[in-house]
Amino acid sequence: MTDHDPQQRAWHLAEQLSRAGGTDATLTTTPTGYRVELAITRPHGTDDHLAVLKALALGDRWGHTYSPPSRNNGTARETVWSEIHTDPPPEGR
């Protein structure tokens, strides 16, 4: 794997995140590169928190969304995501 090949980086990130999260991550193309998402299931048990964080850090930008049980018929929905950009961000960002 070449560290500078965004597509290879994205596939590697998806593999690492899937392994750490205990379920399949999704890889999608975006206008700026690639986005890898993993739905976190509750209760925890199949995911390795530290490994998930390490996998997310392989990306250029990452984050987390959470929707409480009150909005989802009693089930919390949580997703972590990481993006690989095809172009480097401008200096100073």
C-alpha atoms as a PDB file:
ATOM      1  CA  MET A   1       0.000   0.000   0.000  1.00  0.00           C
ATOM      2  CA  THR A   2       1.230   3.453  -0.908  1.00  0.00           C
ATOM      3  CA  ASP A   3       0.609   5.982   1.833  1.00  0.00           C
ATOM      4  CA  HIS A   4      -0.205   8.607  -0.780  1.00  0.00           C
ATOM      5  CA  ASP A   5      -2.830   6.634  -2.726  1.00  0.00           C
ATOM      6  CA  PRO A   6      -6.203   7.845  -1.346  1.00  0.00           C
ATOM      7  CA  GLN A   7      -8.142   4.837  -2.616  1.00  0.00           C
ATOM      8  CA  GLN A   8      -5.764   2.350  -1.009  1.00  0.00           C
ATOM      9  CA  ARG A   9      -5.800   4.371   2.229  1.00  0.00           C
ATOM     10  CA  ALA A  10      -9.618   4.312   2.206  1.00  0.00           C
ATOM     11  CA  TRP A  11      -9.763   0.528   1.724  1.00  0.00           C
ATOM     12  CA  HIS A  12      -7.187   0.026   4.470  1.00  0.00           C
ATOM     13  CA  LEU A  13      -9.165   2.297   6.814  1.00  0.00           C
ATOM     14  CA  ALA A  14     -12.394   0.386   6.029  1.00  0.00           C
ATOM     15  CA  GLU A  15     -10.712  -2.955   6.756  1.00  0.00           C
ATOM     16  CA  GLN A  16      -9.255  -1.724  10.043  1.00  0.00           C
ATOM     17  CA  LEU A  17     -12.524  -0.117  11.149  1.00  0.00           C
ATOM     18  CA  SER A  18     -14.534  -3.242  10.279  1.00  0.00           C
ATOM     19  CA  ARG A  19     -12.132  -5.432  12.225  1.00  0.00           C
ATOM     20  CA  ALA A  20     -12.166  -3.092  15.246  1.00  0.00           C
ATOM     21  CA  GLY A  21     -15.917  -2.529  15.202  1.00  0.00           C
ATOM     22  CA  GLY A  22     -16.962  -6.139  14.800  1.00  0.00           C
ATOM     23  CA  THR A  23     -19.212  -5.358  11.834  1.00  0.00           C
ATOM     24  CA  ASP A  24     -18.858  -4.179   8.244  1.00  0.00           C
ATOM     25  CA  ALA A  25     -17.933  -0.557   7.659  1.00  0.00           C
ATOM     26  CA  THR A  26     -19.287   1.187   4.569  1.00  0.00           C
ATOM     27  CA  LEU A  27     -17.024   2.934   2.079  1.00  0.00           C
ATOM     28  CA  THR A  28     -18.495   5.629  -0.155  1.00  0.00           C
ATOM     29  CA  THR A  29     -17.072   8.079  -2.646  1.00  0.00           C
ATOM     30  CA  THR A  30     -17.525  11.784  -1.872  1.00  0.00           C
ATOM     31  CA  PRO A  31     -16.747  14.899  -3.937  1.00  0.00           C
ATOM     32  CA  THR A  32     -13.522  15.313  -1.918  1.00  0.00           C
ATOM     33  CA  GLY A  33     -12.437  11.661  -1.648  1.00  0.00           C
ATOM     34  CA  TYR A  34     -13.776   8.758   0.393  1.00  0.00           C
ATOM     35  CA  ARG A  35     -15.845   8.331   3.564  1.00  0.00           C
ATOM     36  CA  VAL A  36     -15.857   5.237   5.761  1.00  0.00           C
ATOM     37  CA  GLU A  37     -18.694   4.797   8.272  1.00  0.00           C
ATOM     38  CA  LEU A  38     -19.334   2.272  11.010  1.00  0.00           C
ATOM     39  CA  ALA A  39     -22.610   1.879  12.882  1.00  0.00           C
ATOM     40  CA  ILE A  40     -21.975   1.245  16.568  1.00  0.00           C
ATOM     41  CA  THR A  41     -24.431  -1.196  18.110  1.00  0.00           C
ATOM     42  CA  ARG A  42     -25.557  -1.126  21.709  1.00  0.00           C
ATOM     43  CA  PRO A  43     -24.867  -2.680  24.039  1.00  0.00           C
ATOM     44  CA  HIS A  44     -21.166  -2.619  23.272  1.00  0.00           C
ATOM     45  CA  GLY A  45     -19.435  -5.919  23.280  1.00  0.00           C
ATOM     46  CA  THR A  46     -18.208  -6.604  19.784  1.00  0.00           C
ATOM     47  CA  ASP A  47     -16.203  -3.409  19.325  1.00  0.00           C
ATOM     48  CA  ASP A  48     -12.752  -2.503  20.607  1.00  0.00           C
ATOM     49  CA  HIS A  49     -12.881   1.210  21.489  1.00  0.00           C
ATOM     50  CA  LEU A  50      -9.139   1.832  21.256  1.00  0.00           C
ATOM     51  CA  ALA A  51      -8.842   0.002  17.943  1.00  0.00           C
ATOM     52  CA  VAL A  52     -11.829   1.956  16.558  1.00  0.00           C
ATOM     53  CA  LEU A  53     -10.141   5.235  17.526  1.00  0.00           C
ATOM     54  CA  LYS A  54      -6.852   4.127  15.977  1.00  0.00           C
ATOM     55  CA  ALA A  55      -8.643   3.182  12.749  1.00  0.00           C
ATOM     56  CA  LEU A  56     -10.490   6.516  12.605  1.00  0.00           C
ATOM     57  CA  ALA A  57      -7.174   8.339  13.024  1.00  0.00           C
ATOM     58  CA  LEU A  58      -5.967   6.837   9.720  1.00  0.00           C
ATOM     59  CA  GLY A  59      -8.212   9.361   7.971  1.00  0.00           C
ATOM     60  CA  ASP A  60      -7.752  13.038   7.235  1.00  0.00           C
ATOM     61  CA  ARG A  61     -10.938  14.045   9.064  1.00  0.00           C
ATOM     62  CA  TRP A  62     -13.174  12.055  11.404  1.00  0.00           C
ATOM     63  CA  GLY A  63     -16.213  12.376  13.622  1.00  0.00           C
ATOM     64  CA  HIS A  64     -19.192  10.859  15.348  1.00  0.00           C
ATOM     65  CA  THR A  65     -22.978  11.152  15.170  1.00  0.00           C
ATOM     66  CA  TYR A  66     -25.465  10.137  17.833  1.00  0.00           C
ATOM     67  CA  SER A  67     -29.243  10.007  17.793  1.00  0.00           C
ATOM     68  CA  PRO A  68     -30.901   9.263  21.166  1.00  0.00           C
ATOM     69  CA  PRO A  69     -33.398   6.469  21.808  1.00  0.00           C
ATOM     70  CA  SER A  70     -36.228   8.987  22.064  1.00  0.00           C
ATOM     71  CA  ARG A  71     -35.866   9.687  18.329  1.00  0.00           C
ATOM     72  CA  ASN A  72     -35.560   6.062  17.227  1.00  0.00           C
ATOM     73  CA  ASN A  73     -38.308   4.028  18.852  1.00  0.00           C
ATOM     74  CA  GLY A  74     -36.188   3.334  21.937  1.00  0.00           C
ATOM     75  CA  THR A  75     -32.921   2.494  20.171  1.00  0.00           C
ATOM     76  CA  ALA A  76     -29.889   4.769  20.196  1.00  0.00           C
ATOM     77  CA  ARG A  77     -28.152   5.129  16.841  1.00  0.00           C
ATOM     78  CA  GLU A  78     -24.466   5.937  16.791  1.00  0.00           C
ATOM     79  CA  THR A  79     -22.079   6.174  13.846  1.00  0.00           C
ATOM     80  CA  VAL A  80     -18.368   6.931  13.630  1.00  0.00           C
ATOM     81  CA  TRP A  81     -16.845   8.114  10.371  1.00  0.00           C
ATOM     82  CA  SER A  82     -13.519   8.982   8.843  1.00  0.00           C
ATOM     83  CA  GLU A  83     -12.677  10.617   5.530  1.00  0.00           C
ATOM     84  CA  ILE A  84      -9.742  10.279   3.161  1.00  0.00           C
ATOM     85  CA  HIS A  85      -9.266  13.327   0.939  1.00  0.00           C
ATOM     86  CA  THR A  86      -7.955  13.029  -2.598  1.00  0.00           C
ATOM     87  CA  ASP A  87      -6.311  16.461  -2.423  1.00  0.00           C
ATOM     88  CA  PRO A  88      -4.280  17.686   0.525  1.00  0.00           C
ATOM     89  CA  PRO A  89      -6.009  20.428   2.555  1.00  0.00           C
ATOM     90  CA  PRO A  90      -4.723  23.990   2.063  1.00  0.00           C
ATOM     91  CA  GLU A  91      -1.824  25.121   4.267  1.00  0.00           C
ATOM     92  CA  GLY A  92      -2.853  26.172   7.760  1.00  0.00           C
ATOM     93  CA  ARG A  93      -5.943  23.966   8.014  1.00  0.00           C
END
